[in-house]
Amino acid sequence: MICGLIGTIHKLEPMRVELNVQGVIYGIAISVQTSAQLRIKVDSSKESSPSIYLHITTIIREDAHLLFGFVDTLEQSTFERLLKINGVGTKVALTILSTFSAQKFLEIIASKDIKLLQKVPGVGAKSAGKILLDLAGFCEQALESSKPQSPSNLASKHDITSALEALGYKANEITRILPQITATDTQSAIKEALRLLAR
């Protein structure tokens, strides 16, 4: 199962990205929110083709292997939790997360704002009520975990280690450079780690 991918953007659309990973191009479904974040990363980078890291949720069906990409784990966990609700498929889940950021969506759930939730295309009163009810407990936990942490914990060492191991680096090499990483988000931390390993 693919849990994450590091590569350069081959093509970026509002709800899809094609990621070039060492010559293999993966088609990945994304939210409009994620697409906008990727566009900002590309436009603000000094590199012509900056390296991008996406968290991946893989869904295997009889007729297809589907990949869904996320810049942050809050959006990913919210997407995966939405899929557990009866009647909510990948299309509706991505539409919700395209209409609102994951943070905003969870705040809507917490405030039980059913009218605002109904502004999502394809979500009627009945569906909105079911989503509000089903996500009540998850919402509190997710919002709590998304609160700012101390700088040393912001970049997940587990995510960094997993990504570097997937690229072929040995555990002792990774352990050596981890304490030197100062980046506060996982993607930047991985890029910093790659620079340190290249020395």
Protein backbone atom coordinates (compact mmCIF):
# COMPACT_ATOMS: atom_id res chain seq x y z
CA MET A 1 0.00 0.00 0.00
CA ILE A 2 1.26 3.48 -0.87
CA CYS A 3 1.25 5.75 2.20
CA GLY A 4 3.14 8.73 0.78
CA LEU A 5 4.85 9.95 -2.38
CA ILE A 6 7.69 12.38 -3.01
CA GLY A 7 8.09 13.78 -6.49
CA THR A 8 7.70 16.75 -8.79
CA ILE A 9 4.44 18.01 -10.25
CA HIS A 10 3.91 16.90 -13.85
CA LYS A 11 0.43 18.41 -14.12
CA LEU A 12 -1.76 20.22 -11.59
CA GLU A 13 -5.53 20.62 -11.87
CA PRO A 14 -8.12 21.85 -9.31
CA MET A 15 -8.91 18.32 -8.09
CA ARG A 16 -6.12 16.20 -9.53
CA VAL A 17 -2.35 16.18 -9.60
CA GLU A 18 0.03 14.07 -11.66
CA LEU A 19 3.17 13.46 -9.62
CA ASN A 20 6.42 12.39 -11.28
CA VAL A 21 8.16 10.02 -8.88
CA GLN A 22 11.52 9.02 -10.36
CA GLY A 23 10.07 8.74 -13.86
CA VAL A 24 6.78 7.09 -12.87
CA ILE A 25 3.78 9.44 -13.07
CA TYR A 26 0.99 8.86 -10.55
CA GLY A 27 -2.51 10.29 -11.02
CA ILE A 28 -3.77 11.43 -7.62
CA ALA A 29 -7.16 12.86 -6.67
CA ILE A 30 -6.92 15.92 -4.42
CA SER A 31 -9.19 18.59 -2.96
CA VAL A 32 -9.30 22.14 -4.29
CA GLN A 33 -7.74 23.19 -0.96
CA THR A 34 -4.75 20.87 -1.50
CA SER A 35 -4.42 21.98 -5.12
CA ALA A 36 -4.21 25.61 -3.98
CA GLN A 37 -1.55 24.75 -1.38
CA LEU A 38 0.50 22.90 -4.00
CA ARG A 39 0.23 25.85 -6.38
CA ILE A 40 1.51 28.19 -3.66
CA LYS A 41 4.43 25.85 -2.91
CA VAL A 42 5.39 25.69 -6.58
CA ASP A 43 5.02 29.43 -7.19
CA SER A 44 6.96 30.39 -4.06
CA SER A 45 9.82 27.93 -4.64
CA LYS A 46 13.14 29.08 -6.07
CA GLU A 47 13.40 25.73 -7.87
CA SER A 48 11.73 25.22 -11.25
CA SER A 49 10.41 21.80 -10.20
CA PRO A 50 10.36 21.63 -6.40
CA SER A 51 10.03 18.30 -4.63
CA ILE A 52 6.54 17.72 -3.21
CA TYR A 53 5.50 15.30 -0.47
CA LEU A 54 1.91 14.03 -0.36
CA HIS A 55 0.29 11.81 2.26
CA ILE A 56 -1.59 9.12 0.32
CA THR A 57 -4.79 7.22 1.01
CA THR A 58 -5.11 4.18 -1.27
CA ILE A 59 -8.51 2.72 -2.13
CA ILE A 60 -8.50 -0.57 -4.01
CA ARG A 61 -11.56 -1.55 -6.03
CA GLU A 62 -12.17 -4.39 -8.44
CA ASP A 63 -11.81 -2.09 -11.44
CA ALA A 64 -9.29 0.47 -10.14
CA HIS A 65 -6.61 1.41 -7.63
CA LEU A 66 -7.38 4.97 -6.52
CA LEU A 67 -4.91 7.36 -4.91
CA PHE A 68 -5.97 10.39 -2.86
CA GLY A 69 -3.35 12.95 -1.86
CA PHE A 70 -3.12 15.36 1.06
CA VAL A 71 -0.63 18.03 2.10
CA ASP A 72 -1.57 17.71 5.77
CA THR A 73 -2.66 14.80 7.93
CA LEU A 74 -5.72 16.61 9.33
CA GLU A 75 -7.32 16.71 5.88
CA GLN A 76 -6.35 13.08 5.29
CA SER A 77 -7.80 11.80 8.58
CA THR A 78 -10.98 13.83 8.02
CA PHE A 79 -11.34 12.38 4.50
CA GLU A 80 -10.86 8.82 5.78
CA ARG A 81 -13.36 9.36 8.61
CA LEU A 82 -15.93 10.79 6.18
CA LEU A 83 -15.72 7.62 4.10
CA LYS A 84 -16.87 5.58 7.10
CA ILE A 85 -20.24 7.35 7.03
CA ASN A 86 -22.87 5.39 5.14
CA GLY A 87 -23.73 7.20 1.92
CA VAL A 88 -20.59 9.34 1.82
CA GLY A 89 -18.26 8.30 -0.99
CA THR A 90 -14.96 9.66 -2.20
CA LYS A 91 -16.61 12.26 -4.44
CA VAL A 92 -18.71 13.78 -1.63
CA ALA A 93 -15.80 13.64 0.83
CA LEU A 94 -13.49 15.49 -1.59
CA THR A 95 -16.23 18.00 -2.41
CA ILE A 96 -16.66 18.78 1.30
CA LEU A 97 -12.91 19.26 1.71
CA SER A 98 -12.82 21.38 -1.44
CA THR A 99 -15.59 23.65 -0.16
CA PHE A 100 -14.04 24.07 3.30
CA SER A 101 -10.58 23.50 4.71
CA ALA A 102 -10.45 20.51 7.09
CA GLN A 103 -10.09 22.90 10.03
CA LYS A 104 -13.12 24.97 8.97
CA PHE A 105 -15.19 21.85 8.28
CA LEU A 106 -14.49 20.47 11.75
CA GLU A 107 -15.39 23.83 13.29
CA ILE A 108 -18.72 23.65 11.41
CA ILE A 109 -19.29 20.18 12.87
CA ALA A 110 -18.39 21.41 16.36
CA SER A 111 -20.84 24.33 16.09
CA LYS A 112 -23.52 22.06 14.55
CA ASP A 113 -24.06 24.56 11.71
CA ILE A 114 -26.22 22.38 9.48
CA LYS A 115 -27.16 25.25 7.13
CA LEU A 116 -23.54 26.04 6.35
CA LEU A 117 -22.82 22.35 5.74
CA GLN A 118 -25.70 22.21 3.26
CA LYS A 119 -23.84 24.71 1.07
CA VAL A 120 -21.63 21.82 -0.05
CA PRO A 121 -22.82 20.64 -3.50
CA GLY A 122 -24.54 17.26 -3.14
CA VAL A 123 -25.12 17.52 0.62
CA GLY A 124 -28.79 17.93 1.53
CA ALA A 125 -30.45 18.35 4.92
CA LYS A 126 -30.59 14.60 5.62
CA SER A 127 -26.95 14.00 4.67
CA ALA A 128 -25.79 17.06 6.61
CA GLY A 129 -27.62 15.89 9.73
CA LYS A 130 -26.06 12.43 9.45
CA ILE A 131 -22.56 13.87 8.99
CA LEU A 132 -22.98 16.18 12.01
CA LEU A 133 -24.13 13.26 14.16
CA ASP A 134 -21.50 10.78 13.00
CA LEU A 135 -18.53 13.14 13.29
CA ALA A 136 -19.29 14.71 16.68
CA GLY A 137 -16.75 12.63 18.63
CA PHE A 138 -14.12 12.61 15.89
CA CYS A 139 -14.38 16.37 15.50
CA GLU A 140 -13.41 17.12 19.12
CA GLN A 141 -10.44 14.75 18.98
CA ALA A 142 -9.22 16.03 15.60
CA LEU A 143 -9.45 19.70 16.57
CA GLU A 144 -7.54 19.00 19.78
CA SER A 145 -4.77 17.17 17.94
CA SER A 146 -4.49 19.98 15.36
CA LYS A 147 -3.66 22.61 17.98
CA PRO A 148 -0.10 24.01 17.75
CA GLN A 149 2.51 21.79 19.37
CA SER A 150 5.98 22.60 20.58
CA PRO A 151 8.40 23.24 17.68
CA SER A 152 10.31 20.01 18.30
CA ASN A 153 7.16 17.96 17.71
CA LEU A 154 5.69 19.80 14.73
CA ALA A 155 7.54 17.82 12.11
CA SER A 156 6.71 14.15 12.68
CA LYS A 157 9.89 12.12 13.01
CA HIS A 158 7.95 9.03 12.02
CA ASP A 159 6.77 10.60 8.74
CA ILE A 160 10.27 11.89 7.99
CA THR A 161 11.89 8.54 8.71
CA SER A 162 9.32 6.62 6.64
CA ALA A 163 9.75 8.94 3.66
CA LEU A 164 13.55 8.73 3.76
CA GLU A 165 13.54 4.95 4.14
CA ALA A 166 11.25 4.75 1.10
CA LEU A 167 13.92 6.66 -0.82
CA GLY A 168 16.53 4.06 0.14
CA TYR A 169 18.34 5.74 3.04
CA LYS A 170 19.55 3.55 5.91
CA ALA A 171 18.27 3.92 9.48
CA ASN A 172 21.68 4.97 10.86
CA GLU A 173 21.98 7.73 8.23
CA ILE A 174 18.52 9.04 9.09
CA THR A 175 19.11 8.90 12.86
CA ARG A 176 22.31 10.92 12.41
CA ILE A 177 20.63 13.90 10.74
CA LEU A 178 17.25 13.97 12.56
CA PRO A 179 18.49 16.16 15.46
CA GLN A 180 19.76 18.75 12.94
CA ILE A 181 16.35 19.32 11.32
CA THR A 182 14.78 22.66 12.23
CA ALA A 183 11.77 22.75 9.87
CA THR A 184 8.37 22.79 11.57
CA ASP A 185 6.29 21.01 8.92
CA THR A 186 6.85 17.54 7.54
CA GLN A 187 7.36 18.45 3.88
CA SER A 188 9.97 21.11 4.65
CA ALA A 189 11.62 18.77 7.13
CA ILE A 190 11.98 16.05 4.47
CA LYS A 191 13.53 18.53 2.04
CA GLU A 192 15.92 19.70 4.76
CA ALA A 193 16.80 16.09 5.58
CA LEU A 194 17.61 15.37 1.93
CA ARG A 195 19.96 18.37 1.85
CA LEU A 196 21.69 17.19 5.03
CA LEU A 197 22.06 13.65 3.68
CA ALA A 198 23.56 14.96 0.45
CA ARG A 199 26.48 16.60 2.27
